[in-house]
Amino acid sequence: MARRFFTPTDLERISQAVKEAERKTSGEIVPYFVDQSDSYDEAAWRGGALFAAAALVGIAILHLTSDTWHGWGPTEIAIISLGAIGLGIIMTHRIPLLKRLLAGNELLELRVAQRAAQAFISEEVFKTRDRTGILLFLSILEHKVLVVGDSGISARVAQAEWEDVVEAVTRGIRNGKPAEGFVEAIRKCGVLLEKKGVRRRRADRNELANKLRVGRKPGRKSS
């Protein structure tokens, strides 16, 4: 999955960006990527219902306007409706824009927040001496970015102060360059942490791996 968006060179650049950002701060930055935070089955069923409704409207229009209409019975109409439902489900799963529209922004935000919380736990972002872990979470289908800081970070950095970091990643997505977005966001993250006094101490060591984590389907471990 990561190969669709990140080359080996991109992955190395992201790792180096994390390493560089952590040289002057005790923050432990964990970049995390997933192609989508949920399967959004609700959206697929809505797509099926929408396609079925469109098919029934088409049948009604044909009945009212066609001179060659001979009439379809309940069996034929049921078969067409079921086919339309199936087509709608398939198309919703395959077309990201349609999936986003039918899921709705409220559900997208909820699922991304839930997946980010899962990633925070599964990647053990909390497992640092001073609770200075930071999850930089990107869910590509939803075009959503979240920054989740552990208690040692959130005590110093307000959530609103991560806006420039979030914008760097979203700008990279818009430009079709997610790796550049991550690199710039990580750099900004390091600058912000240093500004807020989350400075590196002599006894500090690298507690969390610098690599980009790639999320799998819900219930499977990331890499």
Protein backbone atom coordinates (compact mmCIF):
# COMPACT_ATOMS: atom_id res chain seq x y z
CA MET A 1 0.00 0.00 0.00
CA ALA A 2 2.75 2.47 0.89
CA ARG A 3 4.37 1.90 -2.51
CA ARG A 4 1.42 3.64 -4.16
CA PHE A 5 2.28 6.88 -2.37
CA PHE A 6 5.88 6.62 -1.14
CA THR A 7 9.06 5.49 -2.89
CA PRO A 8 11.95 4.00 -0.89
CA THR A 9 13.64 7.39 -1.23
CA ASP A 10 10.55 9.08 0.21
CA LEU A 11 10.56 6.76 3.21
CA GLU A 12 14.23 7.49 3.84
CA ARG A 13 13.62 11.25 3.59
CA ILE A 14 10.82 11.00 6.16
CA SER A 15 13.03 8.99 8.54
CA GLN A 16 15.84 11.52 8.19
CA ALA A 17 13.40 14.38 8.80
CA VAL A 18 12.29 12.76 12.06
CA LYS A 19 15.89 12.18 13.10
CA GLU A 20 16.81 15.80 12.37
CA ALA A 21 13.76 17.21 14.19
CA GLU A 22 14.54 15.13 17.27
CA ARG A 23 18.16 16.31 17.53
CA LYS A 24 17.12 19.49 19.35
CA THR A 25 14.00 18.30 21.13
CA SER A 26 12.96 15.49 23.45
CA GLY A 27 9.79 15.00 21.42
CA GLU A 28 9.39 11.59 19.78
CA ILE A 29 7.67 12.08 16.42
CA VAL A 30 5.76 9.13 14.97
CA PRO A 31 4.56 9.68 11.36
CA TYR A 32 1.69 7.36 10.48
CA PHE A 33 -0.09 6.77 7.18
CA VAL A 34 -3.20 4.79 6.27
CA ASP A 35 -5.08 4.77 2.97
CA GLN A 36 -8.44 5.00 4.77
CA SER A 37 -9.56 4.88 8.39
CA ASP A 38 -12.62 2.69 7.82
CA SER A 39 -14.36 0.68 5.11
CA TYR A 40 -17.43 2.96 5.39
CA ASP A 41 -19.99 0.25 4.74
CA GLU A 42 -22.70 2.77 5.61
CA ALA A 43 -21.66 4.84 2.60
CA ALA A 44 -21.72 1.76 0.35
CA TRP A 45 -25.29 0.93 1.36
CA ARG A 46 -26.30 4.54 0.77
CA GLY A 47 -24.73 4.27 -2.65
CA GLY A 48 -26.73 1.12 -3.33
CA ALA A 49 -29.96 2.82 -2.27
CA LEU A 50 -29.14 5.86 -4.40
CA PHE A 51 -28.48 3.79 -7.51
CA ALA A 52 -31.64 1.74 -6.93
CA ALA A 53 -33.70 4.92 -6.59
CA ALA A 54 -32.16 6.27 -9.78
CA ALA A 55 -33.02 3.03 -11.58
CA LEU A 56 -36.64 3.19 -10.43
CA VAL A 57 -36.91 6.82 -11.53
CA GLY A 58 -35.50 5.81 -14.90
CA ILE A 59 -38.08 3.03 -15.22
CA ALA A 60 -40.87 5.46 -14.33
CA ILE A 61 -39.69 8.00 -16.90
CA LEU A 62 -39.42 5.28 -19.54
CA HIS A 63 -42.95 4.14 -18.72
CA LEU A 64 -44.34 7.66 -19.09
CA THR A 65 -42.45 8.74 -22.21
CA SER A 66 -41.74 5.66 -24.32
CA ASP A 67 -44.11 4.65 -27.09
CA THR A 68 -42.64 1.16 -27.10
CA TRP A 69 -43.16 0.49 -23.39
CA HIS A 70 -44.72 -2.93 -22.90
CA GLY A 71 -44.56 -2.94 -19.14
CA TRP A 72 -42.30 -4.77 -16.74
CA GLY A 73 -43.62 -6.91 -13.97
CA PRO A 74 -42.52 -6.96 -10.33
CA THR A 75 -39.89 -9.63 -11.06
CA GLU A 76 -38.13 -7.59 -13.73
CA ILE A 77 -38.24 -4.43 -11.63
CA ALA A 78 -36.88 -6.31 -8.60
CA ILE A 79 -33.99 -7.72 -10.66
CA ILE A 80 -33.12 -4.26 -11.99
CA SER A 81 -33.30 -2.78 -8.49
CA LEU A 82 -31.04 -5.47 -7.03
CA GLY A 83 -28.58 -4.97 -9.85
CA ALA A 84 -28.58 -1.23 -9.23
CA ILE A 85 -27.99 -1.77 -5.52
CA GLY A 86 -25.02 -4.03 -6.25
CA LEU A 87 -23.61 -1.55 -8.76
CA GLY A 88 -24.02 1.30 -6.30
CA ILE A 89 -22.17 -0.61 -3.57
CA ILE A 90 -19.31 -1.49 -5.92
CA MET A 91 -19.00 2.04 -7.31
CA THR A 92 -19.03 3.58 -3.83
CA HIS A 93 -16.20 1.32 -2.69
CA ARG A 94 -14.17 2.08 -5.83
CA ILE A 95 -14.65 5.85 -6.16
CA PRO A 96 -13.10 7.75 -3.22
CA LEU A 97 -14.97 10.99 -3.91
CA LEU A 98 -18.32 9.18 -3.95
CA LYS A 99 -17.43 7.35 -0.75
CA ARG A 100 -16.53 10.62 0.99
CA LEU A 101 -19.73 12.33 -0.16
CA LEU A 102 -21.98 9.49 0.94
CA ALA A 103 -20.20 8.97 4.25
CA GLY A 104 -20.46 12.64 5.18
CA ASN A 105 -17.84 14.77 6.90
CA GLU A 106 -19.11 14.04 10.42
CA LEU A 107 -18.63 10.29 10.01
CA LEU A 108 -15.26 10.78 8.29
CA GLU A 109 -13.97 12.88 11.18
CA LEU A 110 -15.25 10.37 13.73
CA ARG A 111 -13.63 7.37 12.04
CA VAL A 112 -10.32 9.20 11.53
CA ALA A 113 -10.24 10.22 15.20
CA GLN A 114 -10.97 6.63 16.24
CA ARG A 115 -8.28 5.23 13.96
CA ALA A 116 -5.75 7.78 15.17
CA ALA A 117 -6.51 6.77 18.76
CA GLN A 118 -5.94 3.12 17.81
CA ALA A 119 -2.65 4.02 16.13
CA PHE A 120 -1.53 5.96 19.20
CA ILE A 121 -1.99 2.80 21.28
CA SER A 122 -0.73 0.22 18.77
CA GLU A 123 2.44 2.19 18.03
CA GLU A 124 2.98 2.79 21.78
CA VAL A 125 3.40 6.53 21.28
CA PHE A 126 2.78 6.85 25.01
CA LYS A 127 5.82 4.71 25.83
CA THR A 128 8.38 7.45 26.41
CA ARG A 129 10.08 8.48 29.65
CA ASP A 130 8.61 11.99 29.76
CA ARG A 131 5.41 11.25 27.79
CA THR A 132 6.68 13.30 24.86
CA GLY A 133 5.41 11.14 22.00
CA ILE A 134 3.65 12.81 19.06
CA LEU A 135 1.55 10.98 16.48
CA LEU A 136 1.42 12.67 13.07
CA PHE A 137 -1.51 10.82 11.50
CA LEU A 138 -2.56 10.96 7.83
CA SER A 139 -5.62 9.17 6.43
CA ILE A 140 -5.46 9.61 2.68
CA LEU A 141 -9.02 8.78 1.53
CA GLU A 142 -10.55 11.28 3.93
CA HIS A 143 -7.84 13.90 3.32
CA LYS A 144 -7.61 14.23 7.10
CA VAL A 145 -4.55 14.92 9.23
CA LEU A 146 -4.40 14.75 13.02
CA VAL A 147 -1.61 15.54 15.46
CA VAL A 148 -1.99 13.70 18.76
CA GLY A 149 0.47 14.63 21.49
CA ASP A 150 1.01 12.67 24.69
CA SER A 151 0.49 14.38 28.05
CA GLY A 152 4.02 15.79 28.21
CA ILE A 153 3.45 17.52 24.88
CA SER A 154 -0.15 18.65 25.29
CA ALA A 155 0.84 20.34 28.56
CA ARG A 156 3.06 22.69 26.54
CA VAL A 157 1.48 22.83 23.09
CA ALA A 158 -2.18 23.72 22.56
CA GLN A 159 -4.01 21.74 19.88
CA ALA A 160 -4.59 24.88 17.80
CA GLU A 161 -0.84 25.42 17.57
CA TRP A 162 -0.46 22.34 15.37
CA GLU A 163 -2.34 24.03 12.49
CA ASP A 164 0.81 24.80 10.48
CA VAL A 165 1.93 21.19 10.87
CA VAL A 166 -1.45 19.88 9.69
CA GLU A 167 -1.51 22.33 6.78
CA ALA A 168 1.91 21.17 5.59
CA VAL A 169 0.66 17.58 5.22
CA THR A 170 -2.66 18.55 3.61
CA ARG A 171 -0.83 20.79 1.15
CA GLY A 172 1.35 17.85 0.21
CA ILE A 173 -1.77 15.74 -0.43
CA ARG A 174 -3.32 18.45 -2.60
CA ASN A 175 -0.12 18.70 -4.63
CA GLY A 176 0.15 14.93 -4.99
CA LYS A 177 3.36 14.91 -2.92
CA PRO A 178 2.51 13.38 0.47
CA ALA A 179 6.17 12.66 1.26
CA GLU A 180 7.11 16.33 0.89
CA GLY A 181 4.13 17.20 3.07
CA PHE A 182 5.33 14.84 5.78
CA VAL A 183 8.92 16.13 5.63
CA GLU A 184 7.82 19.76 5.93
CA ALA A 185 5.34 18.94 8.71
CA ILE A 186 8.00 17.09 10.69
CA ARG A 187 10.38 20.04 10.30
CA LYS A 188 7.68 22.44 11.54
CA CYS A 189 6.93 20.08 14.40
CA GLY A 190 10.55 20.18 15.52
CA VAL A 191 10.64 23.98 15.36
CA LEU A 192 7.43 24.28 17.37
CA LEU A 193 8.61 21.86 20.05
CA GLU A 194 11.90 23.70 20.45
CA LYS A 195 10.04 27.00 20.67
CA LYS A 196 7.80 25.58 23.39
CA GLY A 197 10.74 24.44 25.46
CA VAL A 198 10.54 20.71 24.74
CA ARG A 199 14.30 20.64 24.37
CA ARG A 200 16.58 17.65 24.19
CA ARG A 201 18.48 16.70 27.33
CA ARG A 202 21.82 14.93 27.62
CA ALA A 203 20.24 11.72 28.88
CA ASP A 204 17.70 11.63 26.05
CA ARG A 205 17.78 8.71 23.66
CA ASN A 206 15.73 7.68 20.66
CA GLU A 207 12.78 5.85 22.26
CA LEU A 208 10.54 5.38 19.21
CA ALA A 209 11.65 4.33 15.73
CA ASN A 210 11.95 7.17 13.22
CA LYS A 211 10.32 5.35 10.31
CA LEU A 212 6.93 6.04 8.73
CA ARG A 213 4.33 3.60 10.03
CA VAL A 214 1.89 2.25 7.46
CA GLY A 215 -1.54 1.29 8.75
CA ARG A 216 -3.38 -1.83 7.66
CA LYS A 217 -7.03 -2.72 7.64
CA PRO A 218 -8.78 -2.40 11.03
CA GLY A 219 -7.74 -5.24 13.31
CA ARG A 220 -4.36 -5.80 11.62
CA LYS A 221 -1.04 -4.56 12.90
CA SER A 222 0.72 -1.70 11.12
CA SER A 223 4.23 -1.94 9.71
